[in-house]
Amino acid sequence: KLSYRAERTVTDVGPDRIFTTVRTLGKDYVRVVEYTDEWALVATHLRSGATTTYSPALPYLSFPLQPGGSWNAEVVETDAEGNRRVHDVRARTEAWESVQVPAGTFRALKIVLTDDISKDGVLVQQGQDVSWYAPEVRRTVKTEESSLDPATGERRRRTVSLIEYSVQGAEPVTSSAEP
């Protein structure tokens, strides 16, 4: 059962940036999401002009992707009002798996990313994203997100699945050879 649908469209690809427009279908919510050329999150821009930035860019992926790879980052998120949060990111790639989503079945590399977020030195959120990156789509096709608010004990879960897609233009980004 889908709780909502969002349409993500790559609107511009430059030498070092990828811009996507994310539109929540059935609602008047649109944002532009800015990434590096390796899908690290740089900023989100709302129609109101409000921008949240990430410095350095938040690395969801680290190419070349291969089983057994890992990366870490400390990223400062700054919202439009100047409020800051610090992301302590740890990620690892696991193995190639077959993953089925509404858009089809893909051979994809499993990536586990944990993100501890703090504000003023206090842990405010612990999260984990388990994603599957499919080279033929040039993006993740499924992500299982979970988070915990340490202050309240509230847990949240969400699964993001690719419903349909089209790839135009350049050759797919390649990862290490699949088994």
N, C-alpha and C. Protein backbone atom coordinates (compact mmCIF):
# COMPACT_ATOMS: atom_id res chain seq x y z
N LYS A 1 0.84 -1.18 0.00
CA LYS A 1 0.00 0.00 0.00
C LYS A 1 0.89 1.24 0.00
N LEU A 2 0.60 2.17 -0.88
CA LEU A 2 1.36 3.40 -0.97
C LEU A 2 0.74 4.47 -0.09
N SER A 3 1.57 5.14 0.71
CA SER A 3 1.04 6.23 1.53
C SER A 3 1.06 7.53 0.74
N TYR A 4 2.00 7.66 -0.17
CA TYR A 4 2.02 8.80 -1.07
C TYR A 4 2.97 8.48 -2.22
N ARG A 5 2.86 9.26 -3.28
CA ARG A 5 3.74 9.09 -4.43
C ARG A 5 4.45 10.41 -4.69
N ALA A 6 5.72 10.30 -5.02
CA ALA A 6 6.49 11.48 -5.38
C ALA A 6 7.13 11.22 -6.74
N GLU A 7 7.15 12.24 -7.54
CA GLU A 7 7.80 12.17 -8.85
C GLU A 7 9.13 12.89 -8.75
N ARG A 8 10.20 12.17 -9.05
CA ARG A 8 11.54 12.76 -9.01
C ARG A 8 12.05 12.81 -10.44
N THR A 9 12.40 14.01 -10.87
CA THR A 9 12.86 14.20 -12.24
C THR A 9 14.22 14.89 -12.21
N VAL A 10 15.18 14.30 -12.90
CA VAL A 10 16.47 14.97 -13.06
C VAL A 10 16.24 16.09 -14.06
N THR A 11 16.47 17.33 -13.62
CA THR A 11 16.18 18.48 -14.47
C THR A 11 17.42 19.10 -15.08
N ASP A 12 18.59 18.87 -14.47
CA ASP A 12 19.82 19.44 -15.01
C ASP A 12 21.01 18.63 -14.52
N VAL A 13 21.93 18.35 -15.41
CA VAL A 13 23.17 17.67 -15.06
C VAL A 13 24.31 18.53 -15.57
N GLY A 14 25.13 19.02 -14.65
CA GLY A 14 26.29 19.82 -15.01
C GLY A 14 27.55 19.02 -14.78
N PRO A 15 28.71 19.65 -14.91
CA PRO A 15 29.97 18.93 -14.74
C PRO A 15 30.17 18.39 -13.33
N ASP A 16 29.57 19.03 -12.32
CA ASP A 16 29.75 18.56 -10.95
C ASP A 16 28.48 18.60 -10.12
N ARG A 17 27.32 18.82 -10.76
CA ARG A 17 26.06 18.91 -10.03
C ARG A 17 24.94 18.20 -10.78
N ILE A 18 24.02 17.63 -9.99
CA ILE A 18 22.79 17.04 -10.51
C ILE A 18 21.65 17.73 -9.77
N PHE A 19 20.67 18.22 -10.51
CA PHE A 19 19.50 18.85 -9.90
C PHE A 19 18.28 17.99 -10.21
N THR A 20 17.49 17.74 -9.18
CA THR A 20 16.24 17.01 -9.36
C THR A 20 15.10 17.86 -8.82
N THR A 21 13.94 17.66 -9.41
CA THR A 21 12.72 18.26 -8.88
C THR A 21 11.91 17.13 -8.28
N VAL A 22 11.49 17.32 -7.05
CA VAL A 22 10.68 16.32 -6.35
C VAL A 22 9.31 16.94 -6.12
N ARG A 23 8.31 16.29 -6.69
CA ARG A 23 6.93 16.77 -6.59
C ARG A 23 6.09 15.68 -5.95
N THR A 24 5.46 16.00 -4.82
CA THR A 24 4.56 15.05 -4.17
C THR A 24 3.23 15.11 -4.90
N LEU A 25 2.84 13.99 -5.49
CA LEU A 25 1.62 13.95 -6.29
C LEU A 25 0.39 14.09 -5.40
N GLY A 26 -0.55 14.91 -5.85
CA GLY A 26 -1.77 15.14 -5.10
C GLY A 26 -1.64 16.24 -4.06
N LYS A 27 -0.45 16.82 -3.94
CA LYS A 27 -0.24 17.90 -2.98
C LYS A 27 0.54 19.01 -3.69
N ASP A 28 0.49 20.18 -3.12
CA ASP A 28 1.20 21.31 -3.71
C ASP A 28 2.56 21.45 -3.04
N TYR A 29 3.37 20.39 -3.11
CA TYR A 29 4.69 20.41 -2.48
C TYR A 29 5.73 20.04 -3.52
N VAL A 30 6.62 20.99 -3.81
CA VAL A 30 7.68 20.77 -4.78
C VAL A 30 8.97 21.30 -4.18
N ARG A 31 10.04 20.57 -4.36
CA ARG A 31 11.35 21.06 -3.94
C ARG A 31 12.38 20.66 -4.99
N VAL A 32 13.45 21.44 -5.04
CA VAL A 32 14.58 21.12 -5.90
C VAL A 32 15.67 20.58 -4.99
N VAL A 33 16.21 19.42 -5.35
CA VAL A 33 17.26 18.81 -4.56
C VAL A 33 18.53 18.82 -5.40
N GLU A 34 19.59 19.33 -4.80
CA GLU A 34 20.87 19.50 -5.48
C GLU A 34 21.87 18.47 -4.94
N TYR A 35 22.51 17.75 -5.85
CA TYR A 35 23.49 16.73 -5.50
C TYR A 35 24.81 17.00 -6.22
N THR A 36 25.88 16.37 -5.71
CA THR A 36 27.12 16.34 -6.47
C THR A 36 26.93 15.35 -7.62
N ASP A 37 27.93 15.21 -8.46
CA ASP A 37 27.84 14.26 -9.56
C ASP A 37 27.88 12.80 -9.10
N GLU A 38 28.09 12.56 -7.79
CA GLU A 38 28.05 11.21 -7.24
C GLU A 38 26.89 11.03 -6.26
N TRP A 39 25.83 11.84 -6.39
CA TRP A 39 24.62 11.75 -5.60
C TRP A 39 24.83 12.05 -4.12
N ALA A 40 25.80 12.89 -3.78
CA ALA A 40 25.93 13.37 -2.40
C ALA A 40 25.06 14.63 -2.28
N LEU A 41 24.28 14.72 -1.21
CA LEU A 41 23.31 15.80 -1.03
C LEU A 41 24.01 17.12 -0.72
N VAL A 42 23.77 18.14 -1.56
CA VAL A 42 24.35 19.47 -1.39
C VAL A 42 23.33 20.41 -0.73
N ALA A 43 22.09 20.41 -1.24
CA ALA A 43 21.09 21.36 -0.73
C ALA A 43 19.69 20.95 -1.18
N THR A 44 18.71 21.44 -0.42
CA THR A 44 17.31 21.36 -0.84
C THR A 44 16.79 22.79 -0.92
N HIS A 45 16.03 23.07 -1.96
CA HIS A 45 15.50 24.41 -2.21
C HIS A 45 13.99 24.32 -2.32
N LEU A 46 13.28 25.08 -1.49
CA LEU A 46 11.82 25.13 -1.56
C LEU A 46 11.39 26.29 -2.44
N ARG A 47 10.17 26.22 -2.95
CA ARG A 47 9.64 27.31 -3.79
C ARG A 47 9.61 28.64 -3.04
N SER A 48 9.49 28.60 -1.73
CA SER A 48 9.46 29.81 -0.92
C SER A 48 10.81 30.53 -0.91
N GLY A 49 11.84 29.84 -1.39
CA GLY A 49 13.18 30.39 -1.35
C GLY A 49 14.01 29.84 -0.21
N ALA A 50 13.38 29.15 0.73
CA ALA A 50 14.11 28.56 1.85
C ALA A 50 15.03 27.45 1.35
N THR A 51 16.26 27.47 1.82
CA THR A 51 17.26 26.49 1.41
C THR A 51 17.90 25.87 2.63
N THR A 52 18.11 24.56 2.58
CA THR A 52 18.90 23.85 3.58
C THR A 52 20.14 23.35 2.87
N THR A 53 21.32 23.60 3.47
CA THR A 53 22.58 23.19 2.84
C THR A 53 23.28 22.14 3.68
N TYR A 54 24.16 21.39 3.03
CA TYR A 54 24.95 20.34 3.67
C TYR A 54 26.40 20.56 3.30
N SER A 55 27.27 20.69 4.34
CA SER A 55 28.67 20.98 4.08
C SER A 55 29.56 20.11 4.97
N PRO A 56 30.45 19.30 4.38
CA PRO A 56 30.48 19.00 2.95
C PRO A 56 29.21 18.25 2.55
N ALA A 57 29.07 17.98 1.28
CA ALA A 57 27.88 17.27 0.79
C ALA A 57 27.73 15.93 1.51
N LEU A 58 26.47 15.56 1.81
CA LEU A 58 26.17 14.32 2.53
C LEU A 58 26.25 13.14 1.57
N PRO A 59 27.23 12.25 1.78
CA PRO A 59 27.49 11.17 0.81
C PRO A 59 26.64 9.92 1.01
N TYR A 60 25.53 9.84 0.27
CA TYR A 60 24.72 8.62 0.30
C TYR A 60 25.43 7.47 -0.40
N LEU A 61 26.25 7.79 -1.39
CA LEU A 61 27.00 6.81 -2.16
C LEU A 61 28.46 7.26 -2.24
N SER A 62 29.36 6.31 -2.50
CA SER A 62 30.77 6.64 -2.69
C SER A 62 31.31 5.73 -3.80
N PHE A 63 31.49 6.33 -4.97
CA PHE A 63 31.93 5.56 -6.14
C PHE A 63 33.45 5.41 -6.15
N PRO A 64 33.99 4.32 -6.70
CA PRO A 64 33.24 3.21 -7.29
C PRO A 64 32.63 2.34 -6.19
N LEU A 65 31.39 1.94 -6.41
CA LEU A 65 30.71 1.07 -5.46
C LEU A 65 31.17 -0.36 -5.68
N GLN A 66 31.47 -1.03 -4.58
CA GLN A 66 31.86 -2.43 -4.66
C GLN A 66 31.60 -3.09 -3.32
N PRO A 67 31.31 -4.38 -3.31
CA PRO A 67 31.07 -5.07 -2.04
C PRO A 67 32.27 -4.88 -1.11
N GLY A 68 31.99 -4.63 0.16
CA GLY A 68 33.05 -4.46 1.16
C GLY A 68 33.56 -3.03 1.29
N GLY A 69 33.07 -2.12 0.46
CA GLY A 69 33.50 -0.73 0.55
C GLY A 69 32.85 -0.04 1.74
N SER A 70 33.46 1.06 2.19
CA SER A 70 32.87 1.83 3.29
C SER A 70 33.33 3.28 3.20
N TRP A 71 32.57 4.16 3.85
CA TRP A 71 32.95 5.56 3.94
C TRP A 71 32.30 6.18 5.16
N ASN A 72 32.88 7.28 5.62
CA ASN A 72 32.39 8.02 6.78
C ASN A 72 32.41 9.50 6.44
N ALA A 73 31.57 10.27 7.11
CA ALA A 73 31.59 11.71 6.91
C ALA A 73 30.95 12.40 8.10
N GLU A 74 31.42 13.60 8.37
CA GLU A 74 30.76 14.48 9.31
C GLU A 74 30.28 15.67 8.50
N VAL A 75 28.98 15.89 8.51
CA VAL A 75 28.35 16.89 7.64
C VAL A 75 27.53 17.86 8.49
N VAL A 76 27.68 19.15 8.20
CA VAL A 76 26.89 20.16 8.89
C VAL A 76 25.72 20.56 8.01
N GLU A 77 24.51 20.39 8.54
CA GLU A 77 23.27 20.80 7.87
C GLU A 77 22.87 22.16 8.43
N THR A 78 22.63 23.13 7.54
CA THR A 78 22.21 24.46 7.96
C THR A 78 20.91 24.81 7.27
N ASP A 79 19.86 25.11 8.07
CA ASP A 79 18.57 25.43 7.46
C ASP A 79 18.49 26.93 7.14
N ALA A 80 17.37 27.35 6.58
CA ALA A 80 17.20 28.73 6.12
C ALA A 80 17.30 29.75 7.26
N GLU A 81 17.02 29.34 8.49
CA GLU A 81 17.11 30.25 9.64
C GLU A 81 18.49 30.25 10.28
N GLY A 82 19.42 29.43 9.73
CA GLY A 82 20.76 29.36 10.29
C GLY A 82 20.94 28.31 11.37
N ASN A 83 19.89 27.53 11.65
CA ASN A 83 20.01 26.45 12.63
C ASN A 83 20.89 25.35 12.05
N ARG A 84 21.74 24.79 12.91
CA ARG A 84 22.68 23.76 12.45
C ARG A 84 22.48 22.45 13.18
N ARG A 85 22.66 21.38 12.40
CA ARG A 85 22.68 20.03 12.95
C ARG A 85 23.90 19.34 12.34
N VAL A 86 24.49 18.42 13.08
CA VAL A 86 25.66 17.69 12.59
C VAL A 86 25.27 16.24 12.34
N HIS A 87 25.59 15.76 11.14
CA HIS A 87 25.34 14.37 10.75
C HIS A 87 26.65 13.59 10.85
N ASP A 88 26.66 12.52 11.61
CA ASP A 88 27.80 11.61 11.67
C ASP A 88 27.39 10.38 10.86
N VAL A 89 27.90 10.30 9.62
CA VAL A 89 27.49 9.29 8.66
C VAL A 89 28.53 8.17 8.58
N ARG A 90 28.04 6.93 8.63
CA ARG A 90 28.88 5.74 8.42
C ARG A 90 28.14 4.84 7.44
N ALA A 91 28.84 4.43 6.41
CA ALA A 91 28.18 3.61 5.39
C ALA A 91 29.08 2.47 4.95
N ARG A 92 28.43 1.40 4.50
CA ARG A 92 29.18 0.25 3.96
C ARG A 92 28.36 -0.39 2.85
N THR A 93 29.06 -0.92 1.89
CA THR A 93 28.40 -1.69 0.84
C THR A 93 28.51 -3.16 1.21
N GLU A 94 27.45 -3.89 0.95
CA GLU A 94 27.44 -5.29 1.31
C GLU A 94 27.60 -6.16 0.06
N ALA A 95 26.53 -6.72 -0.45
CA ALA A 95 26.65 -7.66 -1.57
C ALA A 95 25.63 -7.32 -2.65
N TRP A 96 25.85 -7.91 -3.83
CA TRP A 96 24.87 -7.79 -4.90
C TRP A 96 23.68 -8.66 -4.55
N GLU A 97 22.47 -8.12 -4.75
CA GLU A 97 21.25 -8.86 -4.47
C GLU A 97 20.25 -8.59 -5.58
N SER A 98 19.29 -9.47 -5.67
CA SER A 98 18.17 -9.24 -6.57
C SER A 98 17.09 -8.58 -5.73
N VAL A 99 16.60 -7.42 -6.19
CA VAL A 99 15.59 -6.70 -5.44
C VAL A 99 14.40 -6.42 -6.36
N GLN A 100 13.21 -6.71 -5.85
CA GLN A 100 12.00 -6.52 -6.64
C GLN A 100 11.22 -5.33 -6.10
N VAL A 101 10.86 -4.42 -7.00
CA VAL A 101 10.06 -3.24 -6.69
C VAL A 101 9.00 -3.13 -7.78
N PRO A 102 8.02 -2.25 -7.66
CA PRO A 102 7.00 -2.14 -8.70
C PRO A 102 7.55 -1.87 -10.10
N ALA A 103 8.72 -1.23 -10.21
CA ALA A 103 9.32 -0.94 -11.52
C ALA A 103 10.00 -2.16 -12.14
N GLY A 104 10.15 -3.24 -11.38
CA GLY A 104 10.78 -4.44 -11.92
C GLY A 104 11.72 -5.09 -10.93
N THR A 105 12.48 -6.05 -11.42
CA THR A 105 13.48 -6.74 -10.60
C THR A 105 14.85 -6.31 -11.08
N PHE A 106 15.70 -5.93 -10.13
CA PHE A 106 17.02 -5.38 -10.47
C PHE A 106 18.11 -6.11 -9.71
N ARG A 107 19.26 -6.23 -10.34
CA ARG A 107 20.48 -6.68 -9.67
C ARG A 107 21.07 -5.42 -9.07
N ALA A 108 21.17 -5.37 -7.74
CA ALA A 108 21.55 -4.13 -7.08
C ALA A 108 22.51 -4.39 -5.92
N LEU A 109 23.31 -3.39 -5.63
CA LEU A 109 24.27 -3.48 -4.54
C LEU A 109 23.63 -2.93 -3.28
N LYS A 110 23.63 -3.73 -2.21
CA LYS A 110 23.03 -3.33 -0.94
C LYS A 110 23.99 -2.39 -0.19
N ILE A 111 23.44 -1.27 0.27
CA ILE A 111 24.22 -0.26 0.99
C ILE A 111 23.52 0.02 2.31
N VAL A 112 24.28 -0.01 3.41
CA VAL A 112 23.73 0.27 4.73
C VAL A 112 24.40 1.56 5.23
N LEU A 113 23.57 2.57 5.50
CA LEU A 113 24.06 3.87 5.95
C LEU A 113 23.43 4.19 7.29
N THR A 114 24.25 4.54 8.28
CA THR A 114 23.73 5.00 9.56
C THR A 114 24.07 6.47 9.70
N ASP A 115 23.19 7.21 10.36
CA ASP A 115 23.34 8.66 10.48
C ASP A 115 22.88 9.07 11.88
N ASP A 116 23.84 9.47 12.70
CA ASP A 116 23.52 10.02 14.02
C ASP A 116 23.51 11.54 13.87
N ILE A 117 22.39 12.17 14.21
CA ILE A 117 22.24 13.61 14.04
C ILE A 117 22.21 14.28 15.41
N SER A 118 23.06 15.30 15.57
CA SER A 118 23.09 16.01 16.84
C SER A 118 22.89 17.50 16.61
N LYS A 119 22.38 18.15 17.65
CA LYS A 119 22.19 19.60 17.64
C LYS A 119 22.75 20.12 18.96
N ASP A 120 23.65 21.07 18.87
CA ASP A 120 24.30 21.64 20.06
C ASP A 120 24.91 20.54 20.93
N GLY A 121 25.49 19.52 20.28
CA GLY A 121 26.17 18.44 21.00
C GLY A 121 25.26 17.39 21.58
N VAL A 122 23.95 17.49 21.35
CA VAL A 122 22.99 16.52 21.89
C VAL A 122 22.44 15.68 20.74
N LEU A 123 22.48 14.36 20.90
CA LEU A 123 21.94 13.46 19.89
C LEU A 123 20.43 13.64 19.80
N VAL A 124 19.93 14.00 18.59
CA VAL A 124 18.49 14.24 18.42
C VAL A 124 17.81 13.21 17.52
N GLN A 125 18.60 12.47 16.76
CA GLN A 125 18.01 11.44 15.89
C GLN A 125 19.07 10.43 15.50
N GLN A 126 18.68 9.17 15.51
CA GLN A 126 19.52 8.09 15.00
C GLN A 126 18.77 7.45 13.85
N GLY A 127 19.43 7.32 12.71
CA GLY A 127 18.75 6.74 11.56
C GLY A 127 19.58 5.71 10.86
N GLN A 128 18.89 4.86 10.11
CA GLN A 128 19.56 3.89 9.26
C GLN A 128 18.78 3.77 7.96
N ASP A 129 19.50 3.83 6.86
CA ASP A 129 18.93 3.61 5.53
C ASP A 129 19.59 2.37 4.95
N VAL A 130 18.78 1.41 4.54
CA VAL A 130 19.28 0.26 3.79
C VAL A 130 18.75 0.46 2.37
N SER A 131 19.69 0.63 1.42
CA SER A 131 19.32 0.94 0.04
C SER A 131 19.92 -0.06 -0.91
N TRP A 132 19.33 -0.14 -2.11
CA TRP A 132 19.84 -1.00 -3.16
C TRP A 132 20.07 -0.14 -4.40
N TYR A 133 21.33 -0.04 -4.81
CA TYR A 133 21.74 0.77 -5.96
C TYR A 133 21.80 -0.12 -7.21
N ALA A 134 21.06 0.25 -8.24
CA ALA A 134 21.03 -0.50 -9.50
C ALA A 134 21.73 0.32 -10.59
N PRO A 135 22.88 -0.13 -11.09
CA PRO A 135 23.60 0.63 -12.11
C PRO A 135 22.76 0.95 -13.34
N GLU A 136 21.86 0.06 -13.75
CA GLU A 136 21.07 0.33 -14.96
C GLU A 136 20.12 1.51 -14.78
N VAL A 137 19.73 1.82 -13.54
CA VAL A 137 18.86 2.95 -13.26
C VAL A 137 19.69 4.18 -12.89
N ARG A 138 20.94 3.95 -12.48
CA ARG A 138 21.86 5.00 -12.03
C ARG A 138 21.42 5.64 -10.73
N ARG A 139 20.71 4.85 -9.91
CA ARG A 139 20.18 5.38 -8.65
C ARG A 139 19.70 4.21 -7.80
N THR A 140 19.36 4.49 -6.56
CA THR A 140 18.79 3.44 -5.73
C THR A 140 17.36 3.15 -6.20
N VAL A 141 17.00 1.88 -6.12
CA VAL A 141 15.65 1.48 -6.54
C VAL A 141 14.75 1.19 -5.34
N LYS A 142 15.38 1.01 -4.17
CA LYS A 142 14.61 0.77 -2.96
C LYS A 142 15.44 1.24 -1.76
N THR A 143 14.75 1.86 -0.80
CA THR A 143 15.38 2.25 0.46
C THR A 143 14.42 1.96 1.60
N GLU A 144 14.94 1.31 2.62
CA GLU A 144 14.18 1.07 3.85
C GLU A 144 14.79 1.98 4.92
N GLU A 145 14.03 2.98 5.33
CA GLU A 145 14.51 3.97 6.29
C GLU A 145 13.93 3.66 7.66
N SER A 146 14.75 3.83 8.69
CA SER A 146 14.26 3.74 10.06
C SER A 146 14.96 4.81 10.88
N SER A 147 14.24 5.36 11.86
CA SER A 147 14.86 6.38 12.71
C SER A 147 14.31 6.27 14.12
N LEU A 148 15.09 6.81 15.05
CA LEU A 148 14.73 6.81 16.45
C LEU A 148 15.00 8.20 17.00
N ASP A 149 14.02 8.75 17.73
CA ASP A 149 14.20 9.99 18.46
C ASP A 149 14.60 9.58 19.88
N PRO A 150 15.88 9.76 20.28
CA PRO A 150 16.31 9.30 21.61
C PRO A 150 15.57 9.96 22.77
N ALA A 151 15.09 11.19 22.58
CA ALA A 151 14.40 11.89 23.67
C ALA A 151 13.03 11.31 23.95
N THR A 152 12.30 10.90 22.91
CA THR A 152 10.93 10.41 23.09
C THR A 152 10.80 8.90 22.92
N GLY A 153 11.80 8.28 22.31
CA GLY A 153 11.72 6.85 22.03
C GLY A 153 10.89 6.55 20.79
N GLU A 154 10.40 7.60 20.10
CA GLU A 154 9.57 7.41 18.92
C GLU A 154 10.40 6.81 17.77
N ARG A 155 9.86 5.76 17.18
CA ARG A 155 10.49 5.11 16.03
C ARG A 155 9.65 5.36 14.79
N ARG A 156 10.32 5.57 13.67
CA ARG A 156 9.64 5.75 12.39
C ARG A 156 10.26 4.82 11.37
N ARG A 157 9.41 4.33 10.47
CA ARG A 157 9.88 3.47 9.38
C ARG A 157 9.21 3.92 8.10
N ARG A 158 9.96 3.80 7.01
CA ARG A 158 9.40 4.15 5.70
C ARG A 158 10.18 3.36 4.65
N THR A 159 9.46 2.88 3.67
CA THR A 159 10.09 2.22 2.53
C THR A 159 9.81 3.05 1.29
N VAL A 160 10.87 3.33 0.56
CA VAL A 160 10.78 4.08 -0.69
C VAL A 160 11.11 3.10 -1.81
N SER A 161 10.19 2.94 -2.76
CA SER A 161 10.38 1.99 -3.86
C SER A 161 10.18 2.68 -5.20
N LEU A 162 10.99 2.30 -6.16
CA LEU A 162 10.85 2.82 -7.52
C LEU A 162 9.62 2.19 -8.16
N ILE A 163 8.72 3.03 -8.66
CA ILE A 163 7.50 2.54 -9.28
C ILE A 163 7.67 2.45 -10.79
N GLU A 164 8.26 3.49 -11.38
CA GLU A 164 8.58 3.48 -12.80
C GLU A 164 9.71 4.45 -13.06
N TYR A 165 10.39 4.30 -14.19
CA TYR A 165 11.51 5.17 -14.50
C TYR A 165 11.79 5.14 -15.99
N SER A 166 12.54 6.13 -16.42
CA SER A 166 13.11 6.12 -17.76
C SER A 166 14.48 6.76 -17.66
N VAL A 167 15.42 6.25 -18.41
CA VAL A 167 16.80 6.77 -18.42
C VAL A 167 17.07 7.26 -19.82
N GLN A 168 17.52 8.50 -19.91
CA GLN A 168 17.83 9.09 -21.20
C GLN A 168 19.26 9.57 -21.20
N GLY A 169 19.87 9.61 -22.37
CA GLY A 169 21.18 10.24 -22.49
C GLY A 169 22.34 9.32 -22.26
N ALA A 170 23.24 9.74 -21.36
CA ALA A 170 24.56 9.13 -21.17
C ALA A 170 24.50 7.67 -20.76
N GLU A 171 25.66 7.03 -20.88
CA GLU A 171 25.79 5.63 -20.46
C GLU A 171 25.63 5.52 -18.95
N PRO A 172 25.15 4.38 -18.46
CA PRO A 172 24.99 4.21 -17.03
C PRO A 172 26.31 4.32 -16.28
N VAL A 173 26.25 4.80 -15.03
CA VAL A 173 27.40 4.82 -14.17
C VAL A 173 27.71 3.37 -13.82
N THR A 174 28.95 2.97 -13.93
CA THR A 174 29.30 1.58 -13.66
C THR A 174 29.86 1.41 -12.28
N SER A 175 29.62 0.25 -11.72
CA SER A 175 30.19 -0.14 -10.45
C SER A 175 31.09 -1.33 -10.72
N SER A 176 31.66 -1.89 -9.66
CA SER A 176 32.52 -3.05 -9.87
C SER A 176 31.71 -4.18 -10.51
N ALA A 177 32.38 -5.09 -11.13
CA ALA A 177 31.70 -6.17 -11.84
C ALA A 177 30.80 -6.96 -10.90
N GLU A 178 29.65 -7.30 -11.38
CA GLU A 178 28.72 -8.11 -10.61
C GLU A 178 29.18 -9.56 -10.66
N PRO A 179 28.87 -10.32 -9.60
CA PRO A 179 29.26 -11.75 -9.60
C PRO A 179 28.49 -12.53 -10.64
